[in-house]
Every structure is written in structure tokens, then in C-alpha cells.
């Protein structure tokens, strides 16, 4: 069955505008560090965050992004709690509507980041949890 142009466009856009925790971690480790925005509430931020992320609650994105990323071509990754939260989608939409051209949403948000066993930061320091077999990539010894 031939692939429709609409499906190709959809998947190309999805790949361009989303990233997953493993790909974000690899990009950061390789020196291609985008601005990572945590758009959750202050309570969410205090419970844990991606190291190096900047806290900019969703309602403040429009007014606060200019100081953090004055260049509309800046690579930006936004995240919220997890796959059931659309705060990152709303923030990405706001950024794109303002003219930012390299905005991505983190698939699964903070939940998937933490469940993959990647480092998190809290007020007490940096830690990791054991990777969850249901979401973490399989690591071969």
C-alpha cells in the first residue's frame, strides 16, 4: 500500500518536533546542549528536574523566554510531568507561535527521563533511580 503524503508529513513533523530522553541525553553528552525548559509548577520543579534545566512555568513562557533565548533559532526542548501532561505541548506551541523555529517536546517528560535512569536534581542534590524495564532502553553489558 503506498504511503500517503499526509502520513509522511505527519511523521516528519513528529520527528522534527519531538525528542526522547535517550536522544536528549546523548545530544547533551555530545556537546549539543539545547536550552531545556521545565514548564511545570514550582512544586514540580522542587520534586526533581533534569540537571541543567531552566524553570519557566508554562504561564510565564511568553514573557520569560526572550531573556533566556533571544535568538529565534535557538534549540529548545520543553518538558512537563509525563505523557499525560500537555503543558510542554502548550509551551512548545507558544514558542512556535512566537517564531522560535527549533522547538522540541520531550516525549514522556520528566517521568520518562527519571524512569530511564537518567540523572535528576533536587534540593538535596543529584541522584538516579534504577532504570524501569518498561521504558528504559535495553542496555547490553
Protein backbone atom coordinates (compact mmCIF):
# COMPACT_ATOMS: atom_id res chain seq x y z
CA UNK A 1 0.00 0.00 0.00
CA UNK A 2 1.54 3.39 -0.95
CA UNK A 3 2.30 5.85 1.83
CA UNK A 4 0.22 8.98 1.65
CA UNK A 5 1.88 12.38 1.60
CA UNK A 6 -0.09 13.34 4.71
CA UNK A 7 1.37 10.43 6.68
CA UNK A 8 4.91 11.27 5.54
CA UNK A 9 4.43 14.91 6.51
CA UNK A 10 2.98 13.92 9.88
CA UNK A 11 5.86 11.63 10.80
CA UNK A 12 8.49 14.05 9.52
CA UNK A 13 6.98 16.80 11.68
CA UNK A 14 6.76 14.50 14.68
CA UNK A 15 10.44 13.59 14.38
CA UNK A 16 11.41 17.24 13.93
CA UNK A 17 9.43 18.48 16.92
CA UNK A 18 9.86 15.71 19.48
CA UNK A 19 12.83 14.09 21.16
CA UNK A 20 13.06 11.30 23.67
CA UNK A 21 15.09 11.17 26.88
CA UNK A 22 17.86 8.97 25.47
CA UNK A 23 18.35 11.23 22.44
CA UNK A 24 18.35 14.39 24.59
CA UNK A 25 20.88 12.83 26.98
CA UNK A 26 23.08 11.80 24.05
CA UNK A 27 22.90 15.26 22.48
CA UNK A 28 23.84 16.88 25.77
CA UNK A 29 26.72 14.43 26.31
CA UNK A 30 27.93 15.22 22.79
CA UNK A 31 28.01 18.96 23.45
CA UNK A 32 24.84 19.80 21.50
CA UNK A 33 23.04 21.12 24.55
CA UNK A 34 19.72 22.79 23.76
CA UNK A 35 18.05 25.07 26.26
CA UNK A 36 15.94 22.67 28.35
CA UNK A 37 12.83 24.28 29.81
CA UNK A 38 10.89 22.75 32.68
CA UNK A 39 7.42 24.27 32.34
CA UNK A 40 5.91 22.62 35.44
CA UNK A 41 4.82 24.37 38.62
CA UNK A 42 7.20 25.34 41.42
CA UNK A 43 6.07 22.22 43.30
CA UNK A 44 7.03 20.00 40.36
CA UNK A 45 10.38 21.74 39.99
CA UNK A 46 11.18 21.19 43.68
CA UNK A 47 10.35 17.47 43.47
CA UNK A 48 13.04 16.93 40.85
CA UNK A 49 14.23 18.15 37.49
CA UNK A 50 16.61 17.43 34.65
CA UNK A 51 20.08 18.72 35.57
CA UNK A 52 20.80 21.99 33.83
CA UNK A 53 17.15 22.64 33.01
CA UNK A 54 15.73 26.12 33.46
CA UNK A 55 12.45 26.56 35.30
CA UNK A 56 9.96 28.64 33.33
CA UNK A 57 6.37 27.75 34.27
CA UNK A 58 4.03 27.46 31.31
CA UNK A 59 2.12 30.65 32.11
CA UNK A 60 5.42 32.61 32.05
CA UNK A 61 6.85 31.25 28.80
CA UNK A 62 5.71 34.11 26.58
CA UNK A 63 7.11 36.80 28.86
CA UNK A 64 10.24 34.98 30.06
CA UNK A 65 11.73 33.28 27.03
CA UNK A 66 13.27 36.40 25.49
CA UNK A 67 15.85 36.69 28.27
CA UNK A 68 16.75 33.00 28.02
CA UNK A 69 16.76 32.62 24.25
CA UNK A 70 16.85 35.93 22.37
CA UNK A 71 17.69 34.10 19.10
CA UNK A 72 14.57 32.63 17.44
CA UNK A 73 16.78 29.85 16.03
CA UNK A 74 17.90 28.64 19.47
CA UNK A 75 17.39 24.91 20.02
CA UNK A 76 14.87 24.48 22.86
CA UNK A 77 13.46 21.33 24.47
CA UNK A 78 10.41 21.71 26.72
CA UNK A 79 9.08 19.20 29.21
CA UNK A 80 6.41 18.79 31.86
CA UNK A 81 5.45 15.86 34.13
CA UNK A 82 4.87 12.99 31.77
CA UNK A 83 2.92 11.55 28.88
CA UNK A 84 -0.43 12.58 30.36
CA UNK A 85 0.58 16.24 30.72
CA UNK A 86 0.16 18.65 27.84
CA UNK A 87 1.96 21.57 29.47
CA UNK A 88 5.02 21.02 27.28
CA UNK A 89 2.83 20.89 24.17
CA UNK A 90 1.23 24.21 25.14
CA UNK A 91 4.63 25.78 25.82
CA UNK A 92 6.05 24.47 22.53
CA UNK A 93 3.02 25.87 20.71
CA UNK A 94 3.54 29.25 22.37
CA UNK A 95 7.22 29.28 21.40
CA UNK A 96 6.49 28.25 17.81
CA UNK A 97 3.77 30.91 17.54
CA UNK A 98 6.34 33.48 18.69
CA UNK A 99 8.64 32.48 15.83
CA UNK A 100 11.01 30.02 17.52
CA UNK A 101 11.99 27.52 14.85
CA UNK A 102 13.88 24.77 16.71
CA UNK A 103 11.46 23.77 19.47
CA UNK A 104 11.05 20.16 20.57
CA UNK A 105 8.88 18.48 23.17
CA UNK A 106 10.45 15.80 25.38
CA UNK A 107 8.45 12.61 24.91
CA UNK A 108 7.27 11.33 28.30
CA UNK A 109 8.53 14.43 30.09
CA UNK A 110 10.26 14.27 33.44
CA UNK A 111 8.63 10.92 34.23
CA UNK A 112 10.29 9.09 31.33
CA UNK A 113 13.60 10.88 31.94
CA UNK A 114 13.67 9.63 35.54
CA UNK A 115 12.31 6.17 34.67
CA UNK A 116 15.11 5.68 32.13
CA UNK A 117 17.58 6.02 34.99
CA UNK A 118 18.96 9.37 33.86
CA UNK A 119 20.26 11.84 36.45
CA UNK A 120 17.83 14.13 38.25
CA UNK A 121 18.44 17.07 40.55
CA UNK A 122 16.52 18.05 43.68
CA UNK A 123 17.17 20.45 46.52
CA UNK A 124 19.25 17.73 48.19
CA UNK A 125 21.50 17.07 45.21
CA UNK A 126 21.82 14.84 42.20
CA UNK A 127 20.62 11.24 42.02
CA UNK A 128 19.44 8.45 39.72
CA UNK A 129 16.87 5.77 40.10
CA UNK A 130 17.20 2.30 38.67
CA UNK A 131 16.00 2.17 35.06
CA UNK A 132 12.44 0.92 34.63
CA UNK A 133 12.40 -2.09 32.28
CA UNK A 134 9.17 -0.86 30.68
CA UNK A 135 10.56 2.44 29.43
CA UNK A 136 14.34 2.27 29.55
CA UNK A 137 16.33 1.24 26.50
CA UNK A 138 17.77 -2.24 26.83
CA UNK A 139 21.39 -1.99 27.86
CA UNK A 140 23.61 -4.87 26.82
CA UNK A 141 26.60 -5.49 29.12
